[in-house]
N, C-alpha and C. Protein backbone atom coordinates (compact mmCIF):
# COMPACT_ATOMS: atom_id res chain seq x y z
N MET A 1 11.37 4.67 48.00
CA MET A 1 12.54 5.50 47.78
C MET A 1 13.00 6.08 49.13
N PRO A 2 14.22 5.81 49.55
CA PRO A 2 14.70 6.37 50.81
C PRO A 2 14.85 7.89 50.72
N SER A 3 14.75 8.52 51.87
CA SER A 3 14.91 9.98 51.93
C SER A 3 16.38 10.34 51.81
N SER A 4 16.64 11.52 51.28
CA SER A 4 18.03 11.95 51.08
C SER A 4 18.56 12.65 52.32
N LYS A 5 19.85 12.54 52.51
CA LYS A 5 20.53 13.24 53.62
C LYS A 5 20.43 14.75 53.41
N ASP A 6 20.43 15.20 52.16
CA ASP A 6 20.30 16.63 51.88
C ASP A 6 18.96 17.16 52.38
N TYR A 7 17.88 16.41 52.16
CA TYR A 7 16.56 16.85 52.63
C TYR A 7 16.53 16.87 54.15
N LEU A 8 17.10 15.84 54.79
CA LEU A 8 17.20 15.83 56.24
C LEU A 8 17.94 17.07 56.73
N ASP A 9 19.08 17.38 56.13
CA ASP A 9 19.86 18.54 56.54
C ASP A 9 19.06 19.83 56.40
N PHE A 10 18.28 19.94 55.32
CA PHE A 10 17.43 21.12 55.12
C PHE A 10 16.40 21.24 56.25
N ILE A 11 15.72 20.15 56.57
CA ILE A 11 14.71 20.19 57.63
C ILE A 11 15.37 20.50 58.98
N LEU A 12 16.49 19.90 59.26
CA LEU A 12 17.20 20.18 60.52
C LEU A 12 17.58 21.65 60.62
N GLU A 13 18.00 22.24 59.52
CA GLU A 13 18.32 23.67 59.51
C GLU A 13 17.07 24.50 59.79
N GLN A 14 15.94 24.11 59.20
CA GLN A 14 14.70 24.86 59.42
C GLN A 14 14.24 24.74 60.87
N LEU A 15 14.62 23.67 61.56
CA LEU A 15 14.23 23.45 62.96
C LEU A 15 15.33 23.86 63.93
N SER A 16 16.39 24.46 63.45
CA SER A 16 17.56 24.74 64.28
C SER A 16 17.28 25.67 65.46
N ALA A 17 16.26 26.51 65.38
CA ALA A 17 15.93 27.41 66.49
C ALA A 17 15.50 26.64 67.73
N LEU A 18 15.02 25.42 67.58
CA LEU A 18 14.58 24.62 68.72
C LEU A 18 15.75 24.13 69.55
N GLY A 19 16.86 23.84 68.92
CA GLY A 19 18.05 23.49 69.65
C GLY A 19 18.19 22.05 70.12
N ASP A 20 17.12 21.36 70.41
CA ASP A 20 17.22 20.01 70.96
C ASP A 20 16.58 18.99 70.03
N ILE A 21 16.86 19.11 68.75
CA ILE A 21 16.33 18.18 67.75
C ILE A 21 17.36 17.09 67.51
N SER A 22 16.90 15.87 67.47
CA SER A 22 17.78 14.75 67.11
C SER A 22 17.03 13.87 66.13
N TYR A 23 17.74 12.92 65.56
CA TYR A 23 17.11 12.02 64.59
C TYR A 23 17.77 10.66 64.67
N ARG A 24 17.06 9.70 64.12
CA ARG A 24 17.59 8.34 64.01
C ARG A 24 17.19 7.81 62.64
N MET A 25 18.14 7.25 61.94
CA MET A 25 17.85 6.67 60.63
C MET A 25 17.25 5.29 60.85
N MET A 26 16.19 5.01 60.10
CA MET A 26 15.53 3.72 60.21
C MET A 26 15.03 3.31 58.84
N MET A 27 15.59 2.26 58.27
CA MET A 27 15.19 1.72 56.98
C MET A 27 15.14 2.79 55.88
N GLY A 28 16.15 3.65 55.83
CA GLY A 28 16.25 4.66 54.78
C GLY A 28 15.46 5.92 55.04
N GLU A 29 14.76 5.98 56.17
CA GLU A 29 13.98 7.17 56.53
C GLU A 29 14.54 7.71 57.85
N TYR A 30 14.01 8.86 58.30
CA TYR A 30 14.54 9.51 59.49
C TYR A 30 13.41 9.80 60.48
N ILE A 31 13.57 9.31 61.70
CA ILE A 31 12.64 9.60 62.79
C ILE A 31 13.16 10.84 63.50
N LEU A 32 12.30 11.83 63.74
CA LEU A 32 12.71 13.09 64.36
C LEU A 32 12.22 13.17 65.80
N TYR A 33 13.09 13.69 66.67
CA TYR A 33 12.80 13.83 68.10
C TYR A 33 13.02 15.27 68.54
N TYR A 34 12.18 15.73 69.45
CA TYR A 34 12.41 17.00 70.13
C TYR A 34 12.38 16.72 71.62
N ARG A 35 13.49 17.02 72.28
CA ARG A 35 13.64 16.73 73.71
C ARG A 35 13.32 15.28 74.02
N GLY A 36 13.74 14.39 73.14
CA GLY A 36 13.56 12.97 73.34
C GLY A 36 12.22 12.40 72.95
N LYS A 37 11.28 13.23 72.52
CA LYS A 37 9.96 12.77 72.11
C LYS A 37 9.87 12.71 70.58
N VAL A 38 9.35 11.60 70.08
CA VAL A 38 9.15 11.47 68.63
C VAL A 38 7.97 12.37 68.25
N PHE A 39 8.22 13.28 67.31
CA PHE A 39 7.13 14.16 66.85
C PHE A 39 6.83 13.98 65.37
N GLY A 40 7.73 13.33 64.65
CA GLY A 40 7.51 13.16 63.22
C GLY A 40 8.70 12.51 62.56
N GLY A 41 8.79 12.72 61.26
CA GLY A 41 9.90 12.14 60.55
C GLY A 41 9.93 12.58 59.10
N ILE A 42 10.93 12.07 58.43
CA ILE A 42 11.09 12.33 57.01
C ILE A 42 10.94 10.99 56.30
N TYR A 43 9.94 10.93 55.46
CA TYR A 43 9.58 9.71 54.74
C TYR A 43 9.45 10.03 53.26
N ASP A 44 10.23 9.38 52.43
CA ASP A 44 10.21 9.65 50.99
C ASP A 44 10.35 11.14 50.70
N ASN A 45 11.28 11.78 51.40
CA ASN A 45 11.53 13.22 51.26
C ASN A 45 10.28 14.06 51.51
N ARG A 46 9.47 13.61 52.47
CA ARG A 46 8.31 14.40 52.93
C ARG A 46 8.48 14.59 54.43
N PHE A 47 8.25 15.81 54.91
CA PHE A 47 8.31 16.11 56.34
C PHE A 47 6.91 15.88 56.90
N LEU A 48 6.75 14.84 57.71
CA LEU A 48 5.46 14.48 58.29
C LEU A 48 5.53 14.61 59.81
N VAL A 49 4.44 15.09 60.42
CA VAL A 49 4.36 15.19 61.87
C VAL A 49 3.13 14.43 62.37
N LYS A 50 3.22 14.02 63.63
CA LYS A 50 2.09 13.32 64.25
C LYS A 50 0.88 14.24 64.30
N ILE A 51 -0.28 13.63 64.31
CA ILE A 51 -1.52 14.40 64.42
C ILE A 51 -1.84 14.57 65.90
N THR A 52 -1.85 15.83 66.34
CA THR A 52 -2.25 16.20 67.69
C THR A 52 -3.25 17.34 67.56
N LYS A 53 -3.82 17.76 68.67
CA LYS A 53 -4.74 18.90 68.61
C LYS A 53 -4.03 20.13 68.05
N SER A 54 -2.81 20.36 68.52
CA SER A 54 -2.06 21.53 68.06
C SER A 54 -1.69 21.45 66.59
N SER A 55 -1.17 20.30 66.17
CA SER A 55 -0.75 20.20 64.77
C SER A 55 -1.96 20.31 63.84
N ALA A 56 -3.08 19.71 64.24
CA ALA A 56 -4.29 19.80 63.41
C ALA A 56 -4.79 21.25 63.33
N ALA A 57 -4.70 21.97 64.45
CA ALA A 57 -5.16 23.37 64.46
C ALA A 57 -4.21 24.28 63.67
N MET A 58 -2.93 24.02 63.77
CA MET A 58 -1.95 24.88 63.11
C MET A 58 -1.76 24.54 61.62
N LEU A 59 -2.15 23.34 61.24
CA LEU A 59 -2.04 22.90 59.84
C LEU A 59 -3.42 22.45 59.34
N PRO A 60 -4.40 23.36 59.35
CA PRO A 60 -5.77 22.95 59.05
C PRO A 60 -5.99 22.42 57.64
N THR A 61 -5.15 22.79 56.70
CA THR A 61 -5.34 22.33 55.32
C THR A 61 -4.32 21.26 54.91
N ALA A 62 -3.51 20.81 55.87
CA ALA A 62 -2.48 19.81 55.54
C ALA A 62 -3.12 18.48 55.15
N SER A 63 -2.51 17.83 54.20
CA SER A 63 -3.03 16.52 53.82
C SER A 63 -2.52 15.47 54.80
N LYS A 64 -3.36 14.46 55.00
CA LYS A 64 -2.99 13.33 55.84
C LYS A 64 -2.32 12.30 54.95
N GLU A 65 -1.14 11.87 55.37
CA GLU A 65 -0.34 10.96 54.56
C GLU A 65 0.10 9.77 55.40
N LEU A 66 0.32 8.66 54.75
CA LEU A 66 0.90 7.49 55.41
C LEU A 66 2.41 7.54 55.22
N PRO A 67 3.17 7.47 56.31
CA PRO A 67 4.62 7.47 56.14
C PRO A 67 5.11 6.20 55.45
N TYR A 68 4.42 5.10 55.70
CA TYR A 68 4.71 3.81 55.07
C TYR A 68 3.46 2.95 55.22
N PRO A 69 3.30 1.92 54.41
CA PRO A 69 2.09 1.10 54.48
C PRO A 69 1.88 0.50 55.88
N GLY A 70 0.66 0.62 56.36
CA GLY A 70 0.30 0.07 57.66
C GLY A 70 0.51 1.01 58.83
N ALA A 71 1.08 2.18 58.58
CA ALA A 71 1.33 3.15 59.66
C ALA A 71 0.11 4.03 59.89
N LYS A 72 0.13 4.75 61.00
CA LYS A 72 -0.91 5.74 61.27
C LYS A 72 -0.69 6.95 60.36
N GLU A 73 -1.77 7.62 60.03
CA GLU A 73 -1.66 8.82 59.22
C GLU A 73 -0.93 9.91 59.98
N MET A 74 -0.23 10.74 59.22
CA MET A 74 0.48 11.89 59.75
C MET A 74 0.15 13.08 58.87
N LEU A 75 0.49 14.27 59.34
CA LEU A 75 0.23 15.48 58.57
C LEU A 75 1.47 15.87 57.77
N LEU A 76 1.26 16.19 56.51
CA LEU A 76 2.33 16.66 55.64
C LEU A 76 2.56 18.14 55.90
N VAL A 77 3.78 18.49 56.27
CA VAL A 77 4.14 19.89 56.49
C VAL A 77 4.73 20.41 55.19
N ASP A 78 4.01 21.35 54.57
CA ASP A 78 4.53 21.90 53.33
C ASP A 78 4.91 23.37 53.47
N GLU A 79 4.68 23.95 54.64
CA GLU A 79 5.12 25.32 54.94
C GLU A 79 6.49 25.19 55.61
N LEU A 80 7.54 25.13 54.80
CA LEU A 80 8.87 24.83 55.31
C LEU A 80 9.78 26.04 55.43
N GLU A 81 9.39 27.17 54.91
CA GLU A 81 10.28 28.33 54.91
C GLU A 81 10.21 29.18 56.18
N ASP A 82 9.13 29.08 56.94
CA ASP A 82 8.93 29.90 58.13
C ASP A 82 9.45 29.18 59.37
N LYS A 83 10.69 29.46 59.75
CA LYS A 83 11.33 28.79 60.89
C LYS A 83 10.58 29.04 62.19
N ASP A 84 10.08 30.25 62.39
CA ASP A 84 9.34 30.57 63.61
C ASP A 84 8.07 29.74 63.72
N PHE A 85 7.35 29.61 62.61
CA PHE A 85 6.14 28.79 62.60
C PHE A 85 6.47 27.34 62.92
N LEU A 86 7.52 26.82 62.31
CA LEU A 86 7.90 25.43 62.54
C LEU A 86 8.29 25.19 64.00
N ALA A 87 9.01 26.14 64.59
CA ALA A 87 9.40 26.00 66.00
C ALA A 87 8.17 26.01 66.90
N LYS A 88 7.23 26.90 66.61
CA LYS A 88 6.00 26.98 67.41
C LYS A 88 5.18 25.69 67.25
N LEU A 89 5.11 25.17 66.04
CA LEU A 89 4.38 23.93 65.76
C LEU A 89 4.95 22.78 66.58
N ILE A 90 6.26 22.59 66.52
CA ILE A 90 6.88 21.45 67.20
C ILE A 90 6.77 21.61 68.71
N LYS A 91 7.00 22.80 69.23
CA LYS A 91 6.89 23.02 70.68
C LYS A 91 5.48 22.72 71.17
N SER A 92 4.47 23.22 70.48
CA SER A 92 3.10 23.02 70.93
C SER A 92 2.69 21.55 70.81
N MET A 93 3.13 20.89 69.76
CA MET A 93 2.84 19.46 69.59
C MET A 93 3.44 18.64 70.72
N CYS A 94 4.69 18.91 71.03
CA CYS A 94 5.42 18.08 71.99
C CYS A 94 4.86 18.22 73.41
N GLU A 95 4.20 19.32 73.70
CA GLU A 95 3.54 19.46 74.99
C GLU A 95 2.40 18.47 75.13
N GLU A 96 1.82 18.05 74.01
CA GLU A 96 0.70 17.12 74.01
C GLU A 96 1.11 15.65 73.92
N LEU A 97 2.32 15.41 73.49
CA LEU A 97 2.78 14.03 73.32
C LEU A 97 3.16 13.42 74.67
N PRO A 98 2.99 12.10 74.80
CA PRO A 98 3.31 11.46 76.09
C PRO A 98 4.79 11.57 76.43
N LYS A 99 5.06 11.53 77.71
CA LYS A 99 6.44 11.57 78.17
C LYS A 99 7.17 10.31 77.73
N LYS A 100 8.50 10.42 77.67
CA LYS A 100 9.32 9.27 77.31
C LYS A 100 9.13 8.15 78.32
N LYS A 101 9.21 6.92 77.84
CA LYS A 101 9.10 5.76 78.74
C LYS A 101 10.44 5.48 79.38
């Protein structure tokens, strides 16, 4: 089931404090970028982020989910109402992710 544009818009609004969020649609799902780095995406109307030291520490009880068959596991973000928490999560994660090629 492809993700809805409404769900994407909701997540983008929750991340709006970051200011430099972009996305790309791919096969009915959305890949999310912060300052040009892929940090997660929206898959089947689930907000998933890459597993890093920061994301694992900040989301200790998050379930590990597959965005699609054969992919690496990602963390399901279910705390979606706290914009400050989400901004801190994405900023700390992106410091750990490799630079753009």
